[in-house]
Amino acid sequence: MNQPPVNCDKCKEDFVIKAIELEKFDGGIERNYFICPHCQEQYTTFYTNQRVRKNQTEMAALRWKIQRANSINKVNRFLKQIEALRSDNEKEMNRLREEMGKGNGPES
């Protein structure tokens, strides 16, 4: 799959994101980011913590259950659970971005 290029805010060069890097912090917090290959500017994509990663694992398990569900009621129940976990993750990741984002490169 061809990925469209992004434009660096700092050096204004276009580039394709080749890899997402991972930086670990105390308390189980992880920062996912990419780097401009021209000027080395770092762009944070998102932060996670143990709660977010646990929710992501639960969502994957629920998607697996949806594929094997034998009734629409079960599918709807699993979808409702996934939406609750997704909403919780969105709030938690926004909180982490606000808490951790200061001094850790530009937020994108």
PDB file of N, CA and C in Angstrom:
ATOM      1  N   MET A   1       0.845  -1.180   0.000  1.00  0.00           N
ATOM      2  CA  MET A   1       0.000   0.000   0.000  1.00  0.00           C
ATOM      3  C   MET A   1       0.890   1.242   0.000  1.00  0.00           C
ATOM      4  N   ASN A   2       0.676   2.110  -0.954  1.00  0.00           N
ATOM      5  CA  ASN A   2       1.451   3.348  -1.032  1.00  0.00           C
ATOM      6  C   ASN A   2       0.904   4.365  -0.053  1.00  0.00           C
ATOM      7  N   GLN A   3       1.795   4.874   0.754  1.00  0.00           N
ATOM      8  CA  GLN A   3       1.425   5.859   1.753  1.00  0.00           C
ATOM      9  C   GLN A   3       1.695   7.247   1.190  1.00  0.00           C
ATOM     10  N   PRO A   4       0.758   8.172   1.359  1.00  0.00           N
ATOM     11  CA  PRO A   4       1.004   9.526   0.860  1.00  0.00           C
ATOM     12  C   PRO A   4       2.088  10.208   1.690  1.00  0.00           C
ATOM     13  N   PRO A   5       2.845  11.104   1.068  1.00  0.00           N
ATOM     14  CA  PRO A   5       3.889  11.808   1.824  1.00  0.00           C
ATOM     15  C   PRO A   5       3.280  12.813   2.799  1.00  0.00           C
ATOM     16  N   VAL A   6       4.043  13.090   3.847  1.00  0.00           N
ATOM     17  CA  VAL A   6       3.682  14.141   4.798  1.00  0.00           C
ATOM     18  C   VAL A   6       4.687  15.265   4.626  1.00  0.00           C
ATOM     19  N   ASN A   7       4.337  16.437   5.110  1.00  0.00           N
ATOM     20  CA  ASN A   7       5.206  17.598   4.983  1.00  0.00           C
ATOM     21  C   ASN A   7       5.662  18.017   6.367  1.00  0.00           C
ATOM     22  N   CYS A   8       6.950  18.144   6.548  1.00  0.00           N
ATOM     23  CA  CYS A   8       7.514  18.534   7.836  1.00  0.00           C
ATOM     24  C   CYS A   8       7.214  20.008   8.114  1.00  0.00           C
ATOM     25  N   ASP A   9       6.686  20.275   9.290  1.00  0.00           N
ATOM     26  CA  ASP A   9       6.399  21.655   9.698  1.00  0.00           C
ATOM     27  C   ASP A   9       7.674  22.476   9.876  1.00  0.00           C
ATOM     28  N   LYS A  10       8.769  21.808  10.216  1.00  0.00           N
ATOM     29  CA  LYS A  10      10.016  22.517  10.510  1.00  0.00           C
ATOM     30  C   LYS A  10      10.813  22.834   9.243  1.00  0.00           C
ATOM     31  N   CYS A  11      11.135  21.810   8.451  1.00  0.00           N
ATOM     32  CA  CYS A  11      12.002  22.040   7.281  1.00  0.00           C
ATOM     33  C   CYS A  11      11.227  22.132   5.969  1.00  0.00           C
ATOM     34  N   LYS A  12       9.927  21.857   6.022  1.00  0.00           N
ATOM     35  CA  LYS A  12       9.019  21.959   4.863  1.00  0.00           C
ATOM     36  C   LYS A  12       9.270  20.902   3.776  1.00  0.00           C
ATOM     37  N   GLU A  13      10.074  19.890   4.060  1.00  0.00           N
ATOM     38  CA  GLU A  13      10.338  18.817   3.106  1.00  0.00           C
ATOM     39  C   GLU A  13       9.237  17.760   3.198  1.00  0.00           C
ATOM     40  N   ASP A  14       8.919  17.147   2.050  1.00  0.00           N
ATOM     41  CA  ASP A  14       7.981  16.028   2.024  1.00  0.00           C
ATOM     42  C   ASP A  14       8.730  14.734   2.285  1.00  0.00           C
ATOM     43  N   PHE A  15       8.063  13.783   2.966  1.00  0.00           N
ATOM     44  CA  PHE A  15       8.651  12.469   3.188  1.00  0.00           C
ATOM     45  C   PHE A  15       7.551  11.463   3.486  1.00  0.00           C
ATOM     46  N   VAL A  16       7.868  10.210   3.289  1.00  0.00           N
ATOM     47  CA  VAL A  16       6.952   9.118   3.607  1.00  0.00           C
ATOM     48  C   VAL A  16       7.385   8.536   4.948  1.00  0.00           C
ATOM     49  N   ILE A  17       6.424   8.322   5.837  1.00  0.00           N
ATOM     50  CA  ILE A  17       6.721   7.740   7.140  1.00  0.00           C
ATOM     51  C   ILE A  17       7.110   6.281   6.925  1.00  0.00           C
ATOM     52  N   LYS A  18       8.330   5.947   7.285  1.00  0.00           N
ATOM     53  CA  LYS A  18       8.831   4.584   7.085  1.00  0.00           C
ATOM     54  C   LYS A  18       8.670   3.722   8.326  1.00  0.00           C
ATOM     55  N   ALA A  19       8.730   4.347   9.495  1.00  0.00           N
ATOM     56  CA  ALA A  19       8.648   3.579  10.741  1.00  0.00           C
ATOM     57  C   ALA A  19       8.062   4.449  11.842  1.00  0.00           C
ATOM     58  N   ILE A  20       7.340   3.801  12.734  1.00  0.00           N
ATOM     59  CA  ILE A  20       6.870   4.450  13.952  1.00  0.00           C
ATOM     60  C   ILE A  20       7.812   3.995  15.065  1.00  0.00           C
ATOM     61  N   GLU A  21       8.389   4.962  15.746  1.00  0.00           N
ATOM     62  CA  GLU A  21       9.326   4.685  16.832  1.00  0.00           C
ATOM     63  C   GLU A  21       8.560   4.587  18.149  1.00  0.00           C
ATOM     64  N   LEU A  22       9.186   3.968  19.144  1.00  0.00           N
ATOM     65  CA  LEU A  22       8.572   3.790  20.454  1.00  0.00           C
ATOM     66  C   LEU A  22       9.529   4.263  21.534  1.00  0.00           C
ATOM     67  N   GLU A  23       9.037   5.108  22.411  1.00  0.00           N
ATOM     68  CA  GLU A  23       9.810   5.582  23.558  1.00  0.00           C
ATOM     69  C   GLU A  23       9.033   5.215  24.816  1.00  0.00           C
ATOM     70  N   LYS A  24       9.708   4.594  25.767  1.00  0.00           N
ATOM     71  CA  LYS A  24       9.056   4.157  27.004  1.00  0.00           C
ATOM     72  C   LYS A  24       9.399   5.104  28.149  1.00  0.00           C
ATOM     73  N   PHE A  25       8.378   5.370  28.971  1.00  0.00           N
ATOM     74  CA  PHE A  25       8.520   6.225  30.140  1.00  0.00           C
ATOM     75  C   PHE A  25       8.159   5.435  31.383  1.00  0.00           C
ATOM     76  N   ASP A  26       8.498   5.985  32.530  1.00  0.00           N
ATOM     77  CA  ASP A  26       8.101   5.371  33.796  1.00  0.00           C
ATOM     78  C   ASP A  26       6.580   5.257  33.864  1.00  0.00           C
ATOM     79  N   GLY A  27       6.107   4.302  34.615  1.00  0.00           N
ATOM     80  CA  GLY A  27       4.673   4.130  34.799  1.00  0.00           C
ATOM     81  C   GLY A  27       3.999   3.408  33.652  1.00  0.00           C
ATOM     82  N   GLY A  28       4.772   2.799  32.772  1.00  0.00           N
ATOM     83  CA  GLY A  28       4.187   2.033  31.671  1.00  0.00           C
ATOM     84  C   GLY A  28       3.679   2.882  30.512  1.00  0.00           C
ATOM     85  N   ILE A  29       4.036   4.157  30.484  1.00  0.00           N
ATOM     86  CA  ILE A  29       3.595   5.029  29.391  1.00  0.00           C
ATOM     87  C   ILE A  29       4.532   4.863  28.206  1.00  0.00           C
ATOM     88  N   GLU A  30       3.950   4.774  27.013  1.00  0.00           N
ATOM     89  CA  GLU A  30       4.721   4.653  25.782  1.00  0.00           C
ATOM     90  C   GLU A  30       4.311   5.747  24.807  1.00  0.00           C
ATOM     91  N   ARG A  31       5.320   6.320  24.158  1.00  0.00           N
ATOM     92  CA  ARG A  31       5.097   7.359  23.147  1.00  0.00           C
ATOM     93  C   ARG A  31       5.425   6.765  21.784  1.00  0.00           C
ATOM     94  N   ASN A  32       4.493   6.855  20.856  1.00  0.00           N
ATOM     95  CA  ASN A  32       4.700   6.429  19.478  1.00  0.00           C
ATOM     96  C   ASN A  32       4.898   7.687  18.646  1.00  0.00           C
ATOM     97  N   TYR A  33       5.947   7.688  17.816  1.00  0.00           N
ATOM     98  CA  TYR A  33       6.265   8.891  17.046  1.00  0.00           C
ATOM     99  C   TYR A  33       7.022   8.521  15.777  1.00  0.00           C
ATOM    100  N   PHE A  34       7.114   9.481  14.855  1.00  0.00           N
ATOM    101  CA  PHE A  34       7.941   9.312  13.670  1.00  0.00           C
ATOM    102  C   PHE A  34       8.870  10.513  13.554  1.00  0.00           C
ATOM    103  N   ILE A  35       9.909  10.354  12.737  1.00  0.00           N
ATOM    104  CA  ILE A  35      10.972  11.356  12.632  1.00  0.00           C
ATOM    105  C   ILE A  35      11.114  11.800  11.183  1.00  0.00           C
ATOM    106  N   CYS A  36      11.227  13.092  10.979  1.00  0.00           N
ATOM    107  CA  CYS A  36      11.529  13.623   9.652  1.00  0.00           C
ATOM    108  C   CYS A  36      12.947  13.207   9.287  1.00  0.00           C
ATOM    109  N   PRO A  37      13.132  12.527   8.153  1.00  0.00           N
ATOM    110  CA  PRO A  37      14.478  12.078   7.778  1.00  0.00           C
ATOM    111  C   PRO A  37      15.390  13.225   7.325  1.00  0.00           C
ATOM    112  N   HIS A  38      14.826  14.395   7.077  1.00  0.00           N
ATOM    113  CA  HIS A  38      15.615  15.532   6.602  1.00  0.00           C
ATOM    114  C   HIS A  38      16.195  16.353   7.753  1.00  0.00           C
ATOM    115  N   CYS A  39      15.367  16.627   8.768  1.00  0.00           N
ATOM    116  CA  CYS A  39      15.828  17.498   9.854  1.00  0.00           C
ATOM    117  C   CYS A  39      15.748  16.844  11.239  1.00  0.00           C
ATOM    118  N   GLN A  40      15.253  15.622  11.293  1.00  0.00           N
ATOM    119  CA  GLN A  40      15.156  14.843  12.540  1.00  0.00           C
ATOM    120  C   GLN A  40      14.090  15.353  13.516  1.00  0.00           C
ATOM    121  N   GLU A  41      13.190  16.207  13.056  1.00  0.00           N
ATOM    122  CA  GLU A  41      12.078  16.655  13.897  1.00  0.00           C
ATOM    123  C   GLU A  41      11.213  15.443  14.243  1.00  0.00           C
ATOM    124  N   GLN A  42      10.771  15.377  15.499  1.00  0.00           N
ATOM    125  CA  GLN A  42       9.943  14.257  15.950  1.00  0.00           C
ATOM    126  C   GLN A  42       8.483  14.681  16.037  1.00  0.00           C
ATOM    127  N   TYR A  43       7.598  13.779  15.592  1.00  0.00           N
ATOM    128  CA  TYR A  43       6.154  14.021  15.624  1.00  0.00           C
ATOM    129  C   TYR A  43       5.474  12.897  16.386  1.00  0.00           C
ATOM    130  N   THR A  44       4.869  13.250  17.511  1.00  0.00           N
ATOM    131  CA  THR A  44       4.168  12.266  18.321  1.00  0.00           C
ATOM    132  C   THR A  44       2.856  11.888  17.639  1.00  0.00           C
ATOM    133  N   THR A  45       2.642  10.578  17.502  1.00  0.00           N
ATOM    134  CA  THR A  45       1.367  10.116  16.943  1.00  0.00           C
ATOM    135  C   THR A  45       0.368   9.856  18.055  1.00  0.00           C
ATOM    136  N   PHE A  46       0.820   9.200  19.125  1.00  0.00           N
ATOM    137  CA  PHE A  46      -0.049   8.974  20.277  1.00  0.00           C
ATOM    138  C   PHE A  46       0.758   8.434  21.446  1.00  0.00           C
ATOM    139  N   TYR A  47       0.131   8.489  22.634  1.00  0.00           N
ATOM    140  CA  TYR A  47       0.675   7.900  23.854  1.00  0.00           C
ATOM    141  C   TYR A  47      -0.265   6.785  24.293  1.00  0.00           C
ATOM    142  N   THR A  48       0.303   5.757  24.909  1.00  0.00           N
ATOM    143  CA  THR A  48      -0.510   4.715  25.521  1.00  0.00           C
ATOM    144  C   THR A  48       0.023   4.438  26.924  1.00  0.00           C
ATOM    145  N   ASN A  49      -0.825   3.802  27.725  1.00  0.00           N
ATOM    146  CA  ASN A  49      -0.401   3.291  29.022  1.00  0.00           C
ATOM    147  C   ASN A  49      -0.994   1.888  29.177  1.00  0.00           C
ATOM    148  N   GLN A  50      -0.816   1.293  30.322  1.00  0.00           N
ATOM    149  CA  GLN A  50      -1.292  -0.076  30.518  1.00  0.00           C
ATOM    150  C   GLN A  50      -2.807  -0.176  30.311  1.00  0.00           C
ATOM    151  N   ARG A  51      -3.531   0.810  30.770  1.00  0.00           N
ATOM    152  CA  ARG A  51      -4.990   0.803  30.615  1.00  0.00           C
ATOM    153  C   ARG A  51      -5.394   0.802  29.144  1.00  0.00           C
ATOM    154  N   VAL A  52      -4.766   1.674  28.348  1.00  0.00           N
ATOM    155  CA  VAL A  52      -5.083   1.765  26.916  1.00  0.00           C
ATOM    156  C   VAL A  52      -4.746   0.457  26.217  1.00  0.00           C
ATOM    157  N   ARG A  53      -3.573  -0.094  26.516  1.00  0.00           N
ATOM    158  CA  ARG A  53      -3.168  -1.343  25.852  1.00  0.00           C
ATOM    159  C   ARG A  53      -4.059  -2.513  26.265  1.00  0.00           C
ATOM    160  N   LYS A  54      -4.500  -2.532  27.518  1.00  0.00           N
ATOM    161  CA  LYS A  54      -5.434  -3.582  27.974  1.00  0.00           C
ATOM    162  C   LYS A  54      -6.757  -3.457  27.216  1.00  0.00           C
ATOM    163  N   ASN A  55      -7.251  -2.235  27.071  1.00  0.00           N
ATOM    164  CA  ASN A  55      -8.486  -2.010  26.314  1.00  0.00           C
ATOM    165  C   ASN A  55      -8.325  -2.455  24.862  1.00  0.00           C
ATOM    166  N   GLN A  56      -7.168  -2.166  24.265  1.00  0.00           N
ATOM    167  CA  GLN A  56      -6.925  -2.570  22.876  1.00  0.00           C
ATOM    168  C   GLN A  56      -6.947  -4.094  22.738  1.00  0.00           C
ATOM    169  N   THR A  57      -6.373  -4.781  23.701  1.00  0.00           N
ATOM    170  CA  THR A  57      -6.381  -6.247  23.694  1.00  0.00           C
ATOM    171  C   THR A  57      -7.808  -6.773  23.832  1.00  0.00           C
ATOM    172  N   GLU A  58      -8.587  -6.160  24.717  1.00  0.00           N
ATOM    173  CA  GLU A  58      -9.985  -6.564  24.898  1.00  0.00           C
ATOM    174  C   GLU A  58     -10.800  -6.318  23.625  1.00  0.00           C
ATOM    175  N   MET A  59     -10.542  -5.193  22.949  1.00  0.00           N
ATOM    176  CA  MET A  59     -11.265  -4.903  21.700  1.00  0.00           C
ATOM    177  C   MET A  59     -10.944  -5.943  20.631  1.00  0.00           C
ATOM    178  N   ALA A  60      -9.689  -6.345  20.544  1.00  0.00           N
ATOM    179  CA  ALA A  60      -9.306  -7.370  19.566  1.00  0.00           C
ATOM    180  C   ALA A  60     -10.022  -8.679  19.865  1.00  0.00           C
ATOM    181  N   ALA A  61     -10.118  -9.045  21.132  1.00  0.00           N
ATOM    182  CA  ALA A  61     -10.814 -10.272  21.514  1.00  0.00           C
ATOM    183  C   ALA A  61     -12.305 -10.178  21.173  1.00  0.00           C
ATOM    184  N   LEU A  62     -12.893  -9.009  21.381  1.00  0.00           N
ATOM    185  CA  LEU A  62     -14.309  -8.819  21.056  1.00  0.00           C
ATOM    186  C   LEU A  62     -14.548  -8.882  19.546  1.00  0.00           C
ATOM    187  N   ARG A  63     -13.624  -8.340  18.740  1.00  0.00           N
ATOM    188  CA  ARG A  63     -13.760  -8.442  17.282  1.00  0.00           C
ATOM    189  C   ARG A  63     -13.704  -9.900  16.845  1.00  0.00           C
ATOM    190  N   TRP A  64     -12.856 -10.677  17.484  1.00  0.00           N
ATOM    191  CA  TRP A  64     -12.768 -12.109  17.196  1.00  0.00           C
ATOM    192  C   TRP A  64     -14.098 -12.781  17.537  1.00  0.00           C
ATOM    193  N   LYS A  65     -14.687 -12.398  18.690  1.00  0.00           N
ATOM    194  CA  LYS A  65     -15.977 -12.976  19.097  1.00  0.00           C
ATOM    195  C   LYS A  65     -17.084 -12.592  18.116  1.00  0.00           C
ATOM    196  N   ILE A  66     -17.043 -11.386  17.580  1.00  0.00           N
ATOM    197  CA  ILE A  66     -18.046 -10.945  16.604  1.00  0.00           C
ATOM    198  C   ILE A  66     -18.013 -11.843  15.379  1.00  0.00           C
ATOM    199  N   GLN A  67     -16.831 -12.182  14.914  1.00  0.00           N
ATOM    200  CA  GLN A  67     -16.704 -13.042  13.733  1.00  0.00           C
ATOM    201  C   GLN A  67     -17.313 -14.419  13.962  1.00  0.00           C
ATOM    202  N   ARG A  68     -17.369 -14.852  15.195  1.00  0.00           N
ATOM    203  CA  ARG A  68     -17.880 -16.184  15.515  1.00  0.00           C
ATOM    204  C   ARG A  68     -19.256 -16.171  16.173  1.00  0.00           C
ATOM    205  N   ALA A  69     -19.832 -14.983  16.317  1.00  0.00           N
ATOM    206  CA  ALA A  69     -21.135 -14.868  16.984  1.00  0.00           C
ATOM    207  C   ALA A  69     -22.223 -15.528  16.155  1.00  0.00           C
ATOM    208  N   ASN A  70     -23.179 -16.131  16.846  1.00  0.00           N
ATOM    209  CA  ASN A  70     -24.267 -16.827  16.154  1.00  0.00           C
ATOM    210  C   ASN A  70     -25.608 -16.112  16.283  1.00  0.00           C
ATOM    211  N   SER A  71     -25.573 -14.874  16.776  1.00  0.00           N
ATOM    212  CA  SER A  71     -26.817 -14.103  16.829  1.00  0.00           C
ATOM    213  C   SER A  71     -26.505 -12.614  16.737  1.00  0.00           C
ATOM    214  N   ILE A  72     -27.458 -11.897  16.205  1.00  0.00           N
ATOM    215  CA  ILE A  72     -27.304 -10.442  16.074  1.00  0.00           C
ATOM    216  C   ILE A  72     -27.248  -9.772  17.446  1.00  0.00           C
ATOM    217  N   ASN A  73     -27.936 -10.364  18.429  1.00  0.00           N
ATOM    218  CA  ASN A  73     -27.905  -9.799  19.783  1.00  0.00           C
ATOM    219  C   ASN A  73     -26.494  -9.841  20.360  1.00  0.00           C
ATOM    220  N   LYS A  74     -25.792 -10.958  20.130  1.00  0.00           N
ATOM    221  CA  LYS A  74     -24.412 -11.060  20.611  1.00  0.00           C
ATOM    222  C   LYS A  74     -23.521 -10.052  19.889  1.00  0.00           C
ATOM    223  N   VAL A  75     -23.686  -9.956  18.583  1.00  0.00           N
ATOM    224  CA  VAL A  75     -22.897  -8.991  17.811  1.00  0.00           C
ATOM    225  C   VAL A  75     -23.114  -7.589  18.352  1.00  0.00           C
ATOM    226  N   ASN A  76     -24.359  -7.209  18.558  1.00  0.00           N
ATOM    227  CA  ASN A  76     -24.667  -5.869  19.064  1.00  0.00           C
ATOM    228  C   ASN A  76     -24.089  -5.634  20.456  1.00  0.00           C
ATOM    229  N   ARG A  77     -24.143  -6.656  21.306  1.00  0.00           N
ATOM    230  CA  ARG A  77     -23.576  -6.537  22.654  1.00  0.00           C
ATOM    231  C   ARG A  77     -22.060  -6.330  22.574  1.00  0.00           C
ATOM    232  N   PHE A  78     -21.388  -7.110  21.715  1.00  0.00           N
ATOM    233  CA  PHE A  78     -19.939  -6.972  21.557  1.00  0.00           C
ATOM    234  C   PHE A  78     -19.580  -5.603  20.981  1.00  0.00           C
ATOM    235  N   LEU A  79     -20.367  -5.135  20.004  1.00  0.00           N
ATOM    236  CA  LEU A  79     -20.116  -3.814  19.415  1.00  0.00           C
ATOM    237  C   LEU A  79     -20.261  -2.709  20.453  1.00  0.00           C
ATOM    238  N   LYS A  80     -21.229  -2.843  21.332  1.00  0.00           N
ATOM    239  CA  LYS A  80     -21.443  -1.853  22.396  1.00  0.00           C
ATOM    240  C   LYS A  80     -20.241  -1.841  23.353  1.00  0.00           C
ATOM    241  N   GLN A  81     -19.724  -3.025  23.666  1.00  0.00           N
ATOM    242  CA  GLN A  81     -18.550  -3.121  24.535  1.00  0.00           C
ATOM    243  C   GLN A  81     -17.324  -2.501  23.862  1.00  0.00           C
ATOM    244  N   ILE A  82     -17.159  -2.759  22.569  1.00  0.00           N
ATOM    245  CA  ILE A  82     -16.035  -2.181  21.824  1.00  0.00           C
ATOM    246  C   ILE A  82     -16.133  -0.664  21.828  1.00  0.00           C
ATOM    247  N   GLU A  83     -17.309  -0.132  21.604  1.00  0.00           N
ATOM    248  CA  GLU A  83     -17.485   1.319  21.579  1.00  0.00           C
ATOM    249  C   GLU A  83     -17.160   1.940  22.935  1.00  0.00           C
ATOM    250  N   ALA A  84     -17.552   1.283  24.018  1.00  0.00           N
ATOM    251  CA  ALA A  84     -17.235   1.800  25.356  1.00  0.00           C
ATOM    252  C   ALA A  84     -15.722   1.812  25.583  1.00  0.00           C
ATOM    253  N   LEU A  85     -15.044   0.751  25.169  1.00  0.00           N
ATOM    254  CA  LEU A  85     -13.587   0.682  25.310  1.00  0.00           C
ATOM    255  C   LEU A  85     -12.904   1.726  24.425  1.00  0.00           C
ATOM    256  N   ARG A  86     -13.392   1.899  23.191  1.00  0.00           N
ATOM    257  CA  ARG A  86     -12.829   2.888  22.277  1.00  0.00           C
ATOM    258  C   ARG A  86     -12.965   4.297  22.853  1.00  0.00           C
ATOM    259  N   SER A  87     -14.128   4.589  23.404  1.00  0.00           N
ATOM    260  CA  SER A  87     -14.376   5.894  23.997  1.00  0.00           C
ATOM    261  C   SER A  87     -13.456   6.128  25.197  1.00  0.00           C
ATOM    262  N   ASP A  88     -13.297   5.111  26.031  1.00  0.00           N
ATOM    263  CA  ASP A  88     -12.400   5.209  27.177  1.00  0.00           C
ATOM    264  C   ASP A  88     -10.973   5.461  26.706  1.00  0.00           C
ATOM    265  N   ASN A  89     -10.545   4.742  25.662  1.00  0.00           N
ATOM    266  CA  ASN A  89      -9.190   4.939  25.135  1.00  0.00           C
ATOM    267  C   ASN A  89      -8.993   6.333  24.583  1.00  0.00           C
ATOM    268  N   GLU A  90      -9.972   6.836  23.882  1.00  0.00           N
ATOM    269  CA  GLU A  90      -9.863   8.186  23.325  1.00  0.00           C
ATOM    270  C   GLU A  90      -9.640   9.205  24.441  1.00  0.00           C
ATOM    271  N   LYS A  91     -10.426   9.104  25.503  1.00  0.00           N
ATOM    272  CA  LYS A  91     -10.285  10.035  26.625  1.00  0.00           C
ATOM    273  C   LYS A  91      -8.929   9.880  27.310  1.00  0.00           C
ATOM    274  N   GLU A  92      -8.523   8.627  27.526  1.00  0.00           N
ATOM    275  CA  GLU A  92      -7.260   8.379  28.215  1.00  0.00           C
ATOM    276  C   GLU A  92      -6.066   8.822  27.363  1.00  0.00           C
ATOM    277  N   MET A  93      -6.114   8.575  26.068  1.00  0.00           N
ATOM    278  CA  MET A  93      -5.010   8.978  25.195  1.00  0.00           C
ATOM    279  C   MET A  93      -4.925  10.501  25.090  1.00  0.00           C
ATOM    280  N   ASN A  94      -6.061  11.178  25.080  1.00  0.00           N
ATOM    281  CA  ASN A  94      -6.051  12.645  25.085  1.00  0.00           C
ATOM    282  C   ASN A  94      -5.461  13.180  26.386  1.00  0.00           C
ATOM    283  N   ARG A  95      -5.804  12.529  27.492  1.00  0.00           N
ATOM    284  CA  ARG A  95      -5.264  12.932  28.786  1.00  0.00           C
ATOM    285  C   ARG A  95      -3.742  12.732  28.802  1.00  0.00           C
ATOM    286  N   LEU A  96      -3.293  11.595  28.285  1.00  0.00           N
ATOM    287  CA  LEU A  96      -1.853  11.324  28.234  1.00  0.00           C
ATOM    288  C   LEU A  96      -1.133  12.332  27.341  1.00  0.00           C
ATOM    289  N   ARG A  97      -1.727  12.651  26.198  1.00  0.00           N
ATOM    290  CA  ARG A  97      -1.112  13.621  25.280  1.00  0.00           C
ATOM    291  C   ARG A  97      -0.946  14.965  25.983  1.00  0.00           C
ATOM    292  N   GLU A  98      -1.966  15.367  26.725  1.00  0.00           N
ATOM    293  CA  GLU A  98      -1.900  16.635  27.442  1.00  0.00           C
ATOM    294  C   GLU A  98      -0.842  16.582  28.541  1.00  0.00           C
ATOM    295  N   GLU A  99      -0.825  15.490  29.284  1.00  0.00           N
ATOM    296  CA  GLU A  99       0.116  15.333  30.393  1.00  0.00           C
ATOM    297  C   GLU A  99       1.561  15.179  29.910  1.00  0.00           C
ATOM    298  N   MET A 100       1.773  14.357  28.880  1.00  0.00           N
ATOM    299  CA  MET A 100       3.116  14.007  28.437  1.00  0.00           C
ATOM    300  C   MET A 100       3.621  14.902  27.298  1.00  0.00           C
ATOM    301  N   GLY A 101       2.721  15.500  26.548  1.00  0.00           N
ATOM    302  CA  GLY A 101       3.093  16.213  25.343  1.00  0.00           C
ATOM    303  C   GLY A 101       4.003  17.399  25.550  1.00  0.00           C
ATOM    304  N   LYS A 102       3.984  17.955  26.715  1.00  0.00           N
ATOM    305  CA  LYS A 102       4.809  19.131  26.994  1.00  0.00           C
ATOM    306  C   LYS A 102       6.281  18.731  26.986  1.00  0.00           C
ATOM    307  N   GLY A 103       7.023  19.266  26.012  1.00  0.00           N
ATOM    308  CA  GLY A 103       8.456  19.034  25.963  1.00  0.00           C
ATOM    309  C   GLY A 103       8.878  17.753  25.249  1.00  0.00           C
ATOM    310  N   ASN A 104       7.940  17.047  24.599  1.00  0.00           N
ATOM    311  CA  ASN A 104       8.279  15.805  23.911  1.00  0.00           C
ATOM    312  C   ASN A 104       8.082  15.904  22.405  1.00  0.00           C
ATOM    313  N   GLY A 105       8.350  17.038  21.813  1.00  0.00           N
ATOM    314  CA  GLY A 105       8.233  17.206  20.372  1.00  0.00           C
ATOM    315  C   GLY A 105       6.859  17.713  20.005  1.00  0.00           C
ATOM    316  N   PRO A 106       6.678  18.152  18.770  1.00  0.00           N
ATOM    317  CA  PRO A 106       5.405  18.700  18.328  1.00  0.00           C
ATOM    318  C   PRO A 106       4.317  17.640  18.321  1.00  0.00           C
ATOM    319  N   GLU A 107       3.147  18.051  18.630  1.00  0.00           N
ATOM    320  CA  GLU A 107       1.995  17.153  18.582  1.00  0.00           C
ATOM    321  C   GLU A 107       1.392  17.255  17.208  1.00  0.00           C
ATOM    322  N   SER A 108       1.090  16.117  16.604  1.00  0.00           N
ATOM    323  CA  SER A 108       0.492  16.158  15.277  1.00  0.00           C
ATOM    324  C   SER A 108      -0.876  15.548  15.289  1.00  0.00           C
TER     325      SER A 108
END
